[in-house]
Amino acid sequence: MSSNTNNFITRFIHSLMENGNDRRDQAEKHLKDTLEKSKEMIENWHQPTKTRGFWRRDLNQGTYVTSQEPQLRGGVGRRTNWG
């Protein structure tokens, strides 16, 4: 009787265990997908992020001037002209 019980328990344990080949195949698929996505991301890094002459626009000029003036950017120990 113990051999039947042992056989049932062994079959039950084996039914819950993962298949090593399936696990390896899933890991390889995940690595391939990750590699493809990283190659695509690296290609996108080489693309320009701003258009030519973006620094000449009024909006960007205002940001540049504001960042250079300590009174306008709220520098430490500086009093503003209006306050």
N, C-alpha and C. Protein backbone atom coordinates (compact mmCIF):
# COMPACT_ATOMS: atom_id res chain seq x y z
N MET A 1 0.80 -1.19 0.00
CA MET A 1 0.00 0.00 0.00
C MET A 1 0.85 1.26 0.00
N SER A 2 1.96 1.21 0.67
CA SER A 2 2.79 2.41 0.72
C SER A 2 3.34 2.77 -0.66
N SER A 3 3.55 1.77 -1.53
CA SER A 3 4.06 2.07 -2.86
C SER A 3 3.02 2.83 -3.69
N ASN A 4 1.72 2.51 -3.53
CA ASN A 4 0.67 3.23 -4.24
C ASN A 4 0.58 4.67 -3.74
N THR A 5 0.64 4.85 -2.42
CA THR A 5 0.59 6.19 -1.86
C THR A 5 1.80 6.99 -2.31
N ASN A 6 2.95 6.38 -2.28
CA ASN A 6 4.17 7.04 -2.70
C ASN A 6 4.10 7.40 -4.18
N ASN A 7 3.54 6.53 -4.99
CA ASN A 7 3.42 6.78 -6.41
C ASN A 7 2.46 7.95 -6.66
N PHE A 8 1.34 8.00 -5.93
CA PHE A 8 0.40 9.11 -6.07
C PHE A 8 1.06 10.43 -5.67
N ILE A 9 1.76 10.44 -4.56
CA ILE A 9 2.42 11.66 -4.09
C ILE A 9 3.49 12.10 -5.09
N THR A 10 4.23 11.15 -5.60
CA THR A 10 5.26 11.47 -6.59
C THR A 10 4.64 12.07 -7.85
N ARG A 11 3.55 11.48 -8.33
CA ARG A 11 2.87 12.02 -9.51
C ARG A 11 2.31 13.41 -9.24
N PHE A 12 1.77 13.61 -8.04
CA PHE A 12 1.22 14.91 -7.67
C PHE A 12 2.32 15.98 -7.66
N ILE A 13 3.46 15.65 -7.06
CA ILE A 13 4.58 16.60 -7.00
C ILE A 13 5.08 16.91 -8.40
N HIS A 14 5.22 15.89 -9.22
CA HIS A 14 5.70 16.11 -10.60
C HIS A 14 4.71 16.94 -11.41
N SER A 15 3.43 16.83 -11.12
CA SER A 15 2.46 17.62 -11.88
C SER A 15 2.55 19.10 -11.53
N LEU A 16 3.04 19.43 -10.33
CA LEU A 16 3.17 20.82 -9.92
C LEU A 16 4.51 21.45 -10.29
N MET A 17 5.47 20.63 -10.69
CA MET A 17 6.80 21.15 -11.01
C MET A 17 6.82 21.76 -12.41
N GLU A 18 7.68 22.78 -12.58
CA GLU A 18 7.83 23.41 -13.88
C GLU A 18 8.69 22.55 -14.79
N ASN A 19 8.44 22.69 -16.07
CA ASN A 19 9.26 22.00 -17.05
C ASN A 19 10.48 22.88 -17.35
N GLY A 20 11.66 22.34 -17.22
CA GLY A 20 12.88 23.11 -17.42
C GLY A 20 13.02 23.67 -18.82
N ASN A 21 12.60 22.90 -19.82
CA ASN A 21 12.71 23.36 -21.21
C ASN A 21 11.78 24.53 -21.47
N ASP A 22 10.54 24.44 -20.95
CA ASP A 22 9.60 25.55 -21.14
C ASP A 22 10.11 26.82 -20.45
N ARG A 23 10.66 26.66 -19.26
CA ARG A 23 11.18 27.81 -18.53
C ARG A 23 12.34 28.46 -19.29
N ARG A 24 13.24 27.63 -19.85
CA ARG A 24 14.36 28.15 -20.63
C ARG A 24 13.87 28.87 -21.88
N ASP A 25 12.88 28.29 -22.57
CA ASP A 25 12.34 28.92 -23.78
C ASP A 25 11.69 30.27 -23.46
N GLN A 26 10.96 30.35 -22.36
CA GLN A 26 10.35 31.62 -21.97
C GLN A 26 11.42 32.67 -21.63
N ALA A 27 12.48 32.24 -20.95
CA ALA A 27 13.56 33.17 -20.60
C ALA A 27 14.26 33.67 -21.86
N GLU A 28 14.51 32.79 -22.81
CA GLU A 28 15.16 33.20 -24.06
C GLU A 28 14.28 34.16 -24.85
N LYS A 29 12.98 33.90 -24.89
CA LYS A 29 12.06 34.79 -25.59
C LYS A 29 12.05 36.17 -24.93
N HIS A 30 12.04 36.20 -23.60
CA HIS A 30 12.07 37.47 -22.88
C HIS A 30 13.36 38.25 -23.18
N LEU A 31 14.49 37.55 -23.20
CA LEU A 31 15.76 38.21 -23.49
C LEU A 31 15.81 38.75 -24.91
N LYS A 32 15.28 38.00 -25.86
CA LYS A 32 15.25 38.47 -27.25
C LYS A 32 14.38 39.71 -27.39
N ASP A 33 13.20 39.69 -26.75
CA ASP A 33 12.32 40.86 -26.81
C ASP A 33 12.97 42.08 -26.18
N THR A 34 13.63 41.88 -25.04
CA THR A 34 14.30 42.98 -24.36
C THR A 34 15.44 43.53 -25.21
N LEU A 35 16.19 42.67 -25.86
CA LEU A 35 17.29 43.10 -26.72
C LEU A 35 16.76 43.91 -27.91
N GLU A 36 15.67 43.47 -28.52
CA GLU A 36 15.09 44.21 -29.65
C GLU A 36 14.61 45.59 -29.21
N LYS A 37 13.96 45.67 -28.05
CA LYS A 37 13.47 46.95 -27.55
C LYS A 37 14.62 47.88 -27.21
N SER A 38 15.70 47.32 -26.64
CA SER A 38 16.84 48.17 -26.30
C SER A 38 17.55 48.68 -27.55
N LYS A 39 17.63 47.88 -28.60
CA LYS A 39 18.22 48.34 -29.86
C LYS A 39 17.39 49.47 -30.46
N GLU A 40 16.08 49.33 -30.39
CA GLU A 40 15.20 50.38 -30.90
C GLU A 40 15.37 51.67 -30.10
N MET A 41 15.49 51.54 -28.79
CA MET A 41 15.67 52.72 -27.94
C MET A 41 17.01 53.40 -28.22
N ILE A 42 18.05 52.64 -28.43
CA ILE A 42 19.36 53.21 -28.74
C ILE A 42 19.33 53.93 -30.08
N GLU A 43 18.62 53.38 -31.05
CA GLU A 43 18.47 54.06 -32.34
C GLU A 43 17.75 55.38 -32.17
N ASN A 44 16.74 55.42 -31.30
CA ASN A 44 16.01 56.66 -31.07
C ASN A 44 16.87 57.70 -30.37
N TRP A 45 17.84 57.28 -29.59
CA TRP A 45 18.73 58.23 -28.91
C TRP A 45 19.52 59.06 -29.91
N HIS A 46 19.79 58.50 -31.09
CA HIS A 46 20.60 59.20 -32.08
C HIS A 46 19.78 60.23 -32.88
N GLN A 47 18.50 60.27 -32.66
CA GLN A 47 17.65 61.23 -33.36
C GLN A 47 17.72 62.59 -32.67
N PRO A 48 17.60 63.67 -33.42
CA PRO A 48 17.61 64.99 -32.79
C PRO A 48 16.35 65.20 -31.94
N THR A 49 16.53 65.91 -30.82
CA THR A 49 15.39 66.15 -29.93
C THR A 49 14.78 67.52 -30.14
N LYS A 50 15.52 68.44 -30.77
CA LYS A 50 15.02 69.79 -30.99
C LYS A 50 15.23 70.16 -32.45
N THR A 51 14.40 71.07 -32.92
CA THR A 51 14.52 71.50 -34.30
C THR A 51 15.68 72.48 -34.45
N ARG A 52 16.12 72.66 -35.68
CA ARG A 52 17.22 73.59 -35.94
C ARG A 52 16.75 75.02 -35.66
N GLY A 53 17.55 75.77 -34.91
CA GLY A 53 17.24 77.16 -34.60
C GLY A 53 16.24 77.33 -33.48
N PHE A 54 16.08 76.32 -32.63
CA PHE A 54 15.10 76.43 -31.56
C PHE A 54 15.48 77.53 -30.57
N TRP A 55 16.75 77.85 -30.45
CA TRP A 55 17.21 78.85 -29.48
C TRP A 55 16.84 80.28 -29.89
N ARG A 56 16.45 80.44 -31.15
CA ARG A 56 16.11 81.79 -31.62
C ARG A 56 14.67 82.19 -31.33
N ARG A 57 13.85 81.26 -30.90
CA ARG A 57 12.44 81.58 -30.62
C ARG A 57 12.34 82.44 -29.38
N ASP A 58 11.32 83.29 -29.35
CA ASP A 58 11.14 84.21 -28.22
C ASP A 58 10.98 83.47 -26.90
N LEU A 59 10.26 82.37 -26.90
CA LEU A 59 10.04 81.62 -25.67
C LEU A 59 11.36 81.15 -25.08
N ASN A 60 12.23 80.61 -25.92
CA ASN A 60 13.52 80.12 -25.43
C ASN A 60 14.45 81.27 -25.06
N GLN A 61 14.37 82.38 -25.73
CA GLN A 61 15.18 83.54 -25.37
C GLN A 61 14.78 84.05 -23.99
N GLY A 62 13.48 84.10 -23.72
CA GLY A 62 13.01 84.55 -22.41
C GLY A 62 13.48 83.63 -21.30
N THR A 63 13.47 82.34 -21.54
CA THR A 63 13.95 81.39 -20.55
C THR A 63 15.43 81.59 -20.30
N TYR A 64 16.18 81.84 -21.35
CA TYR A 64 17.62 82.05 -21.21
C TYR A 64 17.91 83.30 -20.40
N VAL A 65 17.24 84.39 -20.71
CA VAL A 65 17.48 85.65 -20.00
C VAL A 65 17.08 85.52 -18.53
N THR A 66 15.95 84.89 -18.27
CA THR A 66 15.49 84.72 -16.89
C THR A 66 16.47 83.88 -16.08
N SER A 67 17.01 82.85 -16.69
CA SER A 67 17.92 81.98 -15.94
C SER A 67 19.25 82.66 -15.66
N GLN A 68 19.60 83.70 -16.42
CA GLN A 68 20.86 84.40 -16.20
C GLN A 68 20.77 85.50 -15.15
N GLU A 69 19.57 86.02 -14.90
CA GLU A 69 19.40 87.13 -13.95
C GLU A 69 19.10 86.60 -12.56
N PRO A 70 20.00 86.81 -11.59
CA PRO A 70 19.76 86.29 -10.24
C PRO A 70 18.51 86.88 -9.60
N GLN A 71 18.18 88.14 -9.91
CA GLN A 71 17.00 88.75 -9.31
C GLN A 71 15.72 88.12 -9.85
N LEU A 72 15.72 87.73 -11.10
CA LEU A 72 14.53 87.14 -11.69
C LEU A 72 14.36 85.67 -11.34
N ARG A 73 15.45 84.98 -11.09
CA ARG A 73 15.33 83.56 -10.78
C ARG A 73 15.22 83.31 -9.29
N GLY A 74 15.28 84.36 -8.46
CA GLY A 74 15.12 84.19 -7.03
C GLY A 74 16.38 83.68 -6.36
N GLY A 75 17.52 84.25 -6.72
CA GLY A 75 18.78 83.82 -6.13
C GLY A 75 18.80 84.09 -4.63
N VAL A 76 19.61 83.35 -3.90
CA VAL A 76 19.69 83.47 -2.46
C VAL A 76 20.35 84.80 -2.10
N GLY A 77 19.74 85.54 -1.18
CA GLY A 77 20.31 86.80 -0.71
C GLY A 77 20.10 87.96 -1.66
N ARG A 78 19.32 87.77 -2.68
CA ARG A 78 19.07 88.84 -3.65
C ARG A 78 17.68 89.41 -3.43
N ARG A 79 17.58 90.72 -3.50
CA ARG A 79 16.29 91.37 -3.36
C ARG A 79 15.80 91.75 -4.76
N THR A 80 14.55 91.48 -5.03
CA THR A 80 14.02 91.84 -6.33
C THR A 80 13.77 93.33 -6.42
N ASN A 81 13.66 93.84 -7.64
CA ASN A 81 13.45 95.27 -7.85
C ASN A 81 12.07 95.72 -7.37
N TRP A 82 11.11 94.81 -7.38
CA TRP A 82 9.75 95.20 -7.06
C TRP A 82 9.35 94.83 -5.63
N GLY A 83 10.26 94.26 -4.83
CA GLY A 83 9.84 93.79 -3.52
C GLY A 83 10.62 94.27 -2.37
